[in-house]
């Protein structure tokens, strides 16, 4: 036997050690009377039930066990799972807002044409027909602001993809990353029939938000967006309210919770608040106090019956990023193909181009590098949290 390279340990009290085996994602709590120290030599000396626990947790492994190879198999199994097809569409990369931290260059007049939209439908149809294991299809809309061309691009695309999925017995869901300003009763009335959800952003309470998010100078958007969030949950469409917080707006966030707490218990089932830091505003000396405030806001949400999250504890192997999935693709308004939404689409080279017949013309040089980048660095292969990180973002 040997001690796994993927373990961590800390002393959690005067007489207890906590060991973590990252490859098996398992913990073992050990008394100091059973183990002299938390170094590798002491782990090898254990026997009996404690030894069995260490083996089960992957802290002790067979001497010939290739952990790096096993990690690679797990990554491949997760990222190449064909059960779910995920597709993001940018109907446009133009936007009705000009938020200071947005990383996109908004292109005025950018709009998906009919032939590109039809090619998207053909891509979905071809994929689902050729992958019998694909039982779910998640269609997402991004941008830019995806609701700018709802009637001309989004609505027909949703209808056409739904017809394809119905014919092939595939469950379909629809999601929007939107500022929420353009939502209407008619739009939600249409989308609620398609298992629809929204991520809608607020930038602090009304006074802070209206200084950042507005369609034109002098007109705020908080009240209208809040009303549209309420409209969404009233129609049983999940609304993920992403609260982007900065050092300037952090003290106002409790007022957003106050604005949401009066929703009914039934409506709150379709509401989730997600606190996320605006990274351009971060500075190491301020983050400690901010983290304490966010903890208070999370508790305030719980006390008001609101589901809330902040800074997910990510397992990038077993719950890898959507962009790592083999069966994920983003189609820009002009047919350019990407594997990630966190890009400036006006400047970032595409990984391919969608042909009019629904097939992809790949940039093989970019695609090959991207698909094979995981665990290529020796420092990553040997790192004790590699089974959580998988070597970082592709």
Protein backbone atom coordinates (compact mmCIF):
# COMPACT_ATOMS: atom_id res chain seq x y z
CA UNK A 1 0.00 0.00 0.00
CA UNK A 2 0.96 3.65 -0.41
CA UNK A 3 -0.46 6.95 0.74
CA UNK A 4 -2.44 8.79 -1.93
CA UNK A 5 -0.85 11.91 -3.37
CA UNK A 6 -4.32 13.50 -3.27
CA UNK A 7 -4.85 13.85 0.47
CA UNK A 8 -5.06 16.78 2.87
CA UNK A 9 -5.18 16.83 6.66
CA UNK A 10 -5.75 19.34 9.43
CA UNK A 11 -5.91 19.20 13.19
CA UNK A 12 -9.47 20.10 14.17
CA UNK A 13 -9.08 19.84 17.94
CA UNK A 14 -6.52 18.90 20.57
CA UNK A 15 -7.14 15.22 20.04
CA UNK A 16 -8.57 14.88 16.50
CA UNK A 17 -7.18 14.92 12.95
CA UNK A 18 -9.35 15.28 9.84
CA UNK A 19 -8.11 13.58 6.64
CA UNK A 20 -9.54 14.18 3.19
CA UNK A 21 -9.06 11.93 0.16
CA UNK A 22 -9.79 14.12 -2.85
CA UNK A 23 -9.91 11.34 -5.46
CA UNK A 24 -12.73 9.56 -3.58
CA UNK A 25 -14.14 12.80 -2.12
CA UNK A 26 -14.19 11.26 1.35
CA UNK A 27 -13.27 12.27 4.92
CA UNK A 28 -11.89 10.27 7.85
CA UNK A 29 -11.74 11.67 11.38
CA UNK A 30 -8.93 10.19 13.49
CA UNK A 31 -8.04 10.55 17.16
CA UNK A 32 -4.47 11.47 17.99
CA UNK A 33 -4.33 8.38 20.18
CA UNK A 34 -4.80 6.25 17.04
CA UNK A 35 -2.27 8.16 14.96
CA UNK A 36 1.00 9.69 16.04
CA UNK A 37 0.83 12.55 13.51
CA UNK A 38 -0.73 13.46 10.20
CA UNK A 39 2.33 12.69 8.06
CA UNK A 40 2.47 9.89 5.50
CA UNK A 41 4.56 7.54 7.58
CA UNK A 42 1.98 7.52 10.36
CA UNK A 43 -0.84 6.80 7.91
CA UNK A 44 1.01 3.74 6.63
CA UNK A 45 1.35 2.39 10.18
CA UNK A 46 -2.38 2.09 10.91
CA UNK A 47 -4.20 -1.24 11.06
CA UNK A 48 -7.62 -2.73 11.67
CA UNK A 49 -10.79 -0.72 11.12
CA UNK A 50 -8.92 2.57 10.74
CA UNK A 51 -6.87 1.09 7.92
CA UNK A 52 -10.08 -0.09 6.23
CA UNK A 53 -11.52 3.43 6.55
CA UNK A 54 -8.39 4.93 5.00
CA UNK A 55 -8.60 2.50 2.06
CA UNK A 56 -12.31 3.20 1.53
CA UNK A 57 -11.63 6.94 1.51
CA UNK A 58 -8.80 6.56 -0.99
CA UNK A 59 -6.25 7.83 1.50
CA UNK A 60 -4.42 4.50 1.32
CA UNK A 61 -4.21 2.94 -2.14
CA UNK A 62 -2.59 -0.07 -3.72
CA UNK A 63 1.10 0.38 -4.48
CA UNK A 64 0.53 -0.12 -8.22
CA UNK A 65 -2.53 2.15 -8.40
CA UNK A 66 -2.09 4.88 -11.05
CA UNK A 67 -3.99 7.79 -9.51
CA UNK A 68 -3.28 10.23 -12.32
CA UNK A 69 -4.67 7.80 -14.86
CA UNK A 70 -7.75 7.20 -12.71
CA UNK A 71 -8.32 10.95 -12.39
CA UNK A 72 -8.10 11.28 -16.16
CA UNK A 73 -10.75 8.56 -16.54
CA UNK A 74 -13.12 10.38 -14.15
CA UNK A 75 -12.66 13.67 -16.04
CA UNK A 76 -13.32 11.93 -19.35
CA UNK A 77 -16.38 10.08 -18.05
CA UNK A 78 -17.96 13.27 -16.68
CA UNK A 79 -17.07 15.62 -19.54
CA UNK A 80 -18.07 13.19 -22.30
CA UNK A 81 -21.42 12.19 -20.84
CA UNK A 82 -23.95 12.32 -23.69
CA UNK A 83 -27.12 12.32 -21.58
CA UNK A 84 -27.55 16.11 -21.84
CA UNK A 85 -27.06 18.38 -24.85
CA UNK A 86 -26.34 21.97 -23.81
CA UNK A 87 -26.50 24.83 -26.28
CA UNK A 88 -26.16 28.57 -25.71
CA UNK A 89 -27.28 31.05 -28.35
CA UNK A 90 -26.40 34.72 -28.59
CA UNK A 91 -29.27 36.29 -30.55
CA UNK A 92 -27.21 39.50 -30.44
CA UNK A 93 -24.21 40.93 -28.62
CA UNK A 94 -25.82 44.35 -28.47
CA UNK A 95 -27.42 45.46 -25.19
CA UNK A 96 -29.85 48.05 -23.88
CA UNK A 97 -27.55 48.71 -20.88
CA UNK A 98 -23.92 49.81 -20.64
CA UNK A 99 -22.76 48.44 -17.27
CA UNK A 100 -19.25 49.58 -16.38
CA UNK A 101 -17.89 46.10 -15.60
CA UNK A 102 -19.26 44.28 -18.66
CA UNK A 103 -16.52 42.50 -20.61
CA UNK A 104 -18.43 42.53 -23.92
CA UNK A 105 -17.96 44.98 -26.76
CA UNK A 106 -21.59 45.56 -27.70
CA UNK A 107 -22.03 45.55 -31.48
CA UNK A 108 -24.92 47.76 -32.58
CA UNK A 109 -27.15 46.03 -35.12
CA UNK A 110 -25.81 42.54 -34.41
CA UNK A 111 -28.68 40.10 -34.87
CA UNK A 112 -28.96 36.40 -35.73
CA UNK A 113 -30.30 35.99 -39.25
CA UNK A 114 -32.95 33.44 -40.23
CA UNK A 115 -30.52 31.11 -42.05
CA UNK A 116 -28.27 30.96 -38.98
CA UNK A 117 -31.27 30.28 -36.74
CA UNK A 118 -32.35 27.42 -38.99
CA UNK A 119 -28.80 26.05 -38.92
CA UNK A 120 -28.99 26.01 -35.11
CA UNK A 121 -32.18 23.94 -35.28
CA UNK A 122 -30.53 21.56 -37.74
CA UNK A 123 -27.55 21.20 -35.39
CA UNK A 124 -29.86 20.25 -32.52
CA UNK A 125 -31.80 17.83 -34.72
CA UNK A 126 -28.64 16.18 -36.08
CA UNK A 127 -27.10 15.81 -32.64
CA UNK A 128 -30.18 14.31 -30.99
CA UNK A 129 -30.78 11.90 -33.86
CA UNK A 130 -27.19 10.67 -33.70
CA UNK A 131 -27.02 10.35 -29.89
CA UNK A 132 -29.67 8.00 -28.56
CA UNK A 133 -28.34 8.54 -25.02
CA UNK A 134 -29.25 12.24 -25.11
CA UNK A 135 -32.53 12.48 -23.22
CA UNK A 136 -32.39 16.16 -22.21
CA UNK A 137 -31.72 19.38 -24.10
CA UNK A 138 -30.88 22.62 -22.29
CA UNK A 139 -31.24 25.68 -24.53
CA UNK A 140 -29.79 28.89 -23.07
CA UNK A 141 -29.79 32.46 -24.34
CA UNK A 142 -26.96 34.88 -23.65
CA UNK A 143 -25.54 38.04 -25.20
CA UNK A 144 -25.60 41.00 -25.18
CA UNK A 145 -29.20 41.18 -24.04
CA UNK A 146 -31.01 38.15 -25.52
CA UNK A 147 -34.50 39.66 -25.21
CA UNK A 148 -33.73 42.48 -27.67
CA UNK A 149 -34.86 40.30 -30.57
CA UNK A 150 -37.28 38.01 -28.80
CA UNK A 151 -40.01 37.91 -31.47
CA UNK A 152 -37.64 37.64 -34.44
CA UNK A 153 -35.01 35.22 -33.12
CA UNK A 154 -35.75 33.72 -29.72
CA UNK A 155 -39.42 32.81 -30.03
CA UNK A 156 -39.17 30.96 -33.36
CA UNK A 157 -35.99 29.19 -32.20
CA UNK A 158 -37.66 27.94 -29.03
CA UNK A 159 -40.69 26.74 -31.00
CA UNK A 160 -38.64 24.96 -33.64
CA UNK A 161 -36.32 23.24 -31.14
CA UNK A 162 -39.35 22.16 -29.11
CA UNK A 163 -40.84 20.47 -32.18
CA UNK A 164 -37.58 18.57 -32.74
CA UNK A 165 -37.38 17.48 -29.09
CA UNK A 166 -41.01 16.39 -28.98
CA UNK A 167 -40.55 14.23 -32.08
CA UNK A 168 -37.50 12.53 -30.57
CA UNK A 169 -38.80 12.15 -27.01
CA UNK A 170 -36.23 14.55 -25.50
CA UNK A 171 -37.02 16.81 -22.52
CA UNK A 172 -36.24 20.46 -23.24
CA UNK A 173 -35.59 23.38 -20.90
CA UNK A 174 -34.94 27.05 -21.67
CA UNK A 175 -32.80 29.52 -19.71
CA UNK A 176 -32.01 33.23 -20.13
CA UNK A 177 -29.14 35.29 -18.76
CA UNK A 178 -30.81 38.69 -18.95
CA UNK A 179 -30.92 42.08 -17.27
CA UNK A 180 -34.67 41.51 -16.96
CA UNK A 181 -35.68 44.96 -18.14
CA UNK A 182 -37.41 43.79 -21.32
CA UNK A 183 -39.45 40.97 -19.79
CA UNK A 184 -43.20 41.29 -20.30
CA UNK A 185 -46.32 39.32 -19.44
CA UNK A 186 -46.54 38.17 -23.05
CA UNK A 187 -42.95 36.90 -23.08
CA UNK A 188 -43.32 35.02 -19.80
CA UNK A 189 -46.75 33.76 -20.88
CA UNK A 190 -45.06 32.13 -23.87
CA UNK A 191 -41.93 30.86 -22.11
CA UNK A 192 -43.61 29.31 -19.06
CA UNK A 193 -44.76 26.49 -21.34
CA UNK A 194 -41.15 25.54 -22.03
CA UNK A 195 -39.73 24.83 -18.55
CA UNK A 196 -38.11 28.27 -18.53
CA UNK A 197 -35.81 29.94 -16.00
CA UNK A 198 -34.00 33.28 -15.80
CA UNK A 199 -30.82 34.67 -14.29
CA UNK A 200 -31.51 38.35 -13.63
CA UNK A 201 -28.95 40.74 -12.19
CA UNK A 202 -29.32 43.45 -9.58
CA UNK A 203 -26.48 45.78 -8.62
CA UNK A 204 -27.38 46.63 -5.07
CA UNK A 205 -30.58 48.21 -3.77
CA UNK A 206 -32.50 50.77 -5.84
CA UNK A 207 -30.25 53.80 -5.31
CA UNK A 208 -27.04 51.85 -6.08
CA UNK A 209 -28.51 49.75 -8.89
CA UNK A 210 -29.98 52.71 -10.78
CA UNK A 211 -26.56 54.36 -10.94
CA UNK A 212 -25.15 51.32 -12.80
CA UNK A 213 -28.00 49.78 -14.80
CA UNK A 214 -30.13 52.07 -16.89
CA UNK A 215 -31.40 52.15 -20.50
CA UNK A 216 -30.48 55.81 -20.88
CA UNK A 217 -29.29 58.65 -18.66
CA UNK A 218 -31.74 59.72 -16.00
CA UNK A 219 -33.91 56.58 -16.12
CA UNK A 220 -33.37 53.87 -13.52
CA UNK A 221 -34.32 50.22 -13.95
CA UNK A 222 -34.56 48.72 -10.44
CA UNK A 223 -38.32 49.00 -9.96
CA UNK A 224 -39.12 47.56 -13.38
CA UNK A 225 -36.67 44.66 -13.01
CA UNK A 226 -37.94 43.86 -9.52
CA UNK A 227 -41.49 43.80 -10.88
CA UNK A 228 -40.41 41.41 -13.64
CA UNK A 229 -38.74 39.11 -11.11
CA UNK A 230 -42.05 39.00 -9.25
CA UNK A 231 -43.83 38.31 -12.56
CA UNK A 232 -41.47 35.40 -13.25
CA UNK A 233 -41.94 33.60 -9.94
CA UNK A 234 -45.71 34.25 -10.00
CA UNK A 235 -45.76 32.26 -13.25
CA UNK A 236 -43.65 29.45 -11.76
CA UNK A 237 -40.53 30.32 -13.77
CA UNK A 238 -37.37 30.07 -11.68
CA UNK A 239 -35.71 33.46 -11.17
CA UNK A 240 -32.08 33.36 -10.07
CA UNK A 241 -31.45 36.88 -8.79
CA UNK A 242 -27.73 37.41 -9.18
CA UNK A 243 -26.70 40.25 -6.89
CA UNK A 244 -23.42 41.72 -8.12
CA UNK A 245 -21.81 43.32 -5.09
CA UNK A 246 -18.99 45.83 -4.77
CA UNK A 247 -17.47 47.82 -1.92
CA UNK A 248 -19.83 50.65 -2.90
CA UNK A 249 -23.12 48.72 -2.86
CA UNK A 250 -22.38 46.01 -0.25
CA UNK A 251 -24.16 47.84 2.58
CA UNK A 252 -27.37 48.16 0.54
CA UNK A 253 -27.97 44.47 -0.13
CA UNK A 254 -30.21 43.90 2.87
CA UNK A 255 -32.77 46.23 1.28
CA UNK A 256 -33.04 43.90 -1.73
CA UNK A 257 -33.92 41.05 0.62
CA UNK A 258 -36.50 43.32 2.24
CA UNK A 259 -38.02 43.91 -1.22
CA UNK A 260 -38.21 40.16 -1.90
CA UNK A 261 -39.32 38.85 1.49
CA UNK A 262 -42.98 39.74 0.93
CA UNK A 263 -43.35 37.21 -1.88
CA UNK A 264 -45.63 34.31 -0.97
CA UNK A 265 -44.17 31.00 0.18
CA UNK A 266 -45.27 29.45 -3.12
CA UNK A 267 -43.55 32.18 -5.14
CA UNK A 268 -40.35 31.80 -3.11
CA UNK A 269 -40.10 28.20 -4.34
CA UNK A 270 -39.18 29.73 -7.71
CA UNK A 271 -36.71 32.27 -6.34
CA UNK A 272 -33.00 31.95 -5.64
CA UNK A 273 -30.66 34.74 -4.63
CA UNK A 274 -27.01 34.40 -5.66
CA UNK A 275 -24.44 36.84 -4.23
CA UNK A 276 -21.46 37.28 -6.57
CA UNK A 277 -18.45 39.57 -6.27
CA UNK A 278 -17.68 41.98 -9.10
CA UNK A 279 -14.10 40.87 -9.66
CA UNK A 280 -12.91 44.18 -11.14
CA UNK A 281 -13.59 45.79 -7.75
CA UNK A 282 -11.75 43.23 -5.60
CA UNK A 283 -8.81 44.09 -3.34
CA UNK A 284 -7.25 41.70 -0.78
CA UNK A 285 -7.38 44.10 2.16
CA UNK A 286 -11.17 44.51 1.93
CA UNK A 287 -12.40 40.98 1.25
CA UNK A 288 -12.47 39.77 4.88
CA UNK A 289 -15.04 42.30 6.06
CA UNK A 290 -17.08 41.83 2.90
CA UNK A 291 -17.20 38.05 3.42
CA UNK A 292 -18.62 38.63 6.92
CA UNK A 293 -21.34 40.90 5.50
CA UNK A 294 -22.29 38.33 2.86
CA UNK A 295 -22.63 35.69 5.58
CA UNK A 296 -25.07 38.00 7.36
CA UNK A 297 -27.09 38.50 4.17
CA UNK A 298 -27.23 34.75 3.56
CA UNK A 299 -28.63 34.30 7.06
CA UNK A 300 -31.13 37.11 6.43
CA UNK A 301 -32.32 35.25 3.32
CA UNK A 302 -32.72 32.00 5.27
CA UNK A 303 -34.69 33.79 7.99
CA UNK A 304 -37.06 35.11 5.31
CA UNK A 305 -37.55 31.78 3.55
CA UNK A 306 -35.39 32.69 0.53
CA UNK A 307 -32.95 30.22 -0.99
CA UNK A 308 -29.52 31.84 -1.35
CA UNK A 309 -26.00 30.94 -2.42
CA UNK A 310 -22.62 32.65 -2.68
CA UNK A 311 -19.31 31.52 -4.18
CA UNK A 312 -20.02 27.87 -4.81
CA UNK A 313 -17.56 25.34 -3.37
CA UNK A 314 -16.77 23.97 -6.78
CA UNK A 315 -15.75 20.43 -7.62
CA UNK A 316 -14.47 21.03 -11.14
CA UNK A 317 -14.10 17.30 -11.81
CA UNK A 318 -17.40 15.67 -10.85
CA UNK A 319 -19.35 18.90 -11.41
CA UNK A 320 -17.23 20.40 -14.15
CA UNK A 321 -17.93 23.67 -15.90
CA UNK A 322 -20.47 23.63 -18.73
CA UNK A 323 -17.66 24.74 -21.03
CA UNK A 324 -15.71 21.57 -20.29
CA UNK A 325 -18.50 19.35 -21.58
CA UNK A 326 -17.96 17.70 -24.93
CA UNK A 327 -21.65 18.19 -25.72
CA UNK A 328 -21.72 21.94 -24.96
CA UNK A 329 -21.60 24.59 -27.64
CA UNK A 330 -22.22 28.34 -27.91
CA UNK A 331 -23.44 29.79 -31.20
CA UNK A 332 -22.88 33.51 -31.66
CA UNK A 333 -25.36 35.62 -33.66
CA UNK A 334 -23.14 35.30 -36.77
CA UNK A 335 -22.66 31.53 -36.52
CA UNK A 336 -19.25 31.64 -34.84
CA UNK A 337 -18.79 28.79 -32.35
CA UNK A 338 -17.37 29.02 -28.84
CA UNK A 339 -17.12 26.81 -25.76
CA UNK A 340 -17.55 29.50 -23.10
CA UNK A 341 -19.76 32.52 -22.36
CA UNK A 342 -17.06 34.42 -20.43
CA UNK A 343 -15.60 35.89 -23.60
CA UNK A 344 -15.53 39.12 -25.52
CA UNK A 345 -17.11 37.69 -28.67
CA UNK A 346 -16.07 40.67 -30.75
CA UNK A 347 -12.37 39.96 -30.10
CA UNK A 348 -11.91 36.30 -29.12
CA UNK A 349 -11.07 33.88 -31.98
CA UNK A 350 -13.87 31.37 -32.56
CA UNK A 351 -13.34 27.64 -32.18
CA UNK A 352 -15.37 27.03 -35.33
CA UNK A 353 -18.20 28.11 -37.61
CA UNK A 354 -21.73 26.72 -37.91
CA UNK A 355 -22.49 25.69 -41.48
CA UNK A 356 -25.96 26.21 -42.93
CA UNK A 357 -26.56 22.44 -42.89
CA UNK A 358 -26.17 22.39 -39.09
CA UNK A 359 -22.66 20.91 -39.03
CA UNK A 360 -19.60 22.56 -37.52
CA UNK A 361 -16.48 23.64 -39.35
CA UNK A 362 -13.92 23.48 -36.53
CA UNK A 363 -10.70 25.43 -36.08
CA UNK A 364 -8.83 22.21 -35.37
CA UNK A 365 -5.70 23.89 -33.98
CA UNK A 366 -7.66 25.75 -31.28
CA UNK A 367 -9.95 22.78 -30.63
CA UNK A 368 -7.10 20.30 -30.21
CA UNK A 369 -5.26 22.49 -27.69
CA UNK A 370 -8.45 23.14 -25.74
CA UNK A 371 -9.65 19.52 -25.63
CA UNK A 372 -6.30 18.19 -24.41
CA UNK A 373 -5.21 20.89 -21.95
CA UNK A 374 -6.45 19.25 -18.74
CA UNK A 375 -3.70 17.90 -16.43
CA UNK A 376 -0.92 18.68 -18.89
CA UNK A 377 1.17 20.55 -16.29
CA UNK A 378 3.21 18.38 -13.95
CA UNK A 379 2.51 20.72 -11.02
CA UNK A 380 -1.22 20.12 -11.58
CA UNK A 381 -0.90 16.35 -11.94
CA UNK A 382 0.87 16.13 -8.59
CA UNK A 383 -1.20 18.72 -6.70
CA UNK A 384 -3.17 17.28 -3.78
CA UNK A 385 -6.39 19.01 -4.88
CA UNK A 386 -6.12 17.99 -8.54
CA UNK A 387 -9.28 15.81 -8.17
CA UNK A 388 -11.19 19.00 -7.29
CA UNK A 389 -9.55 21.40 -9.75
CA UNK A 390 -8.66 19.13 -12.71
CA UNK A 391 -5.87 21.49 -13.67
CA UNK A 392 -7.93 24.68 -14.03
CA UNK A 393 -10.08 26.23 -16.72
CA UNK A 394 -9.76 24.96 -20.28
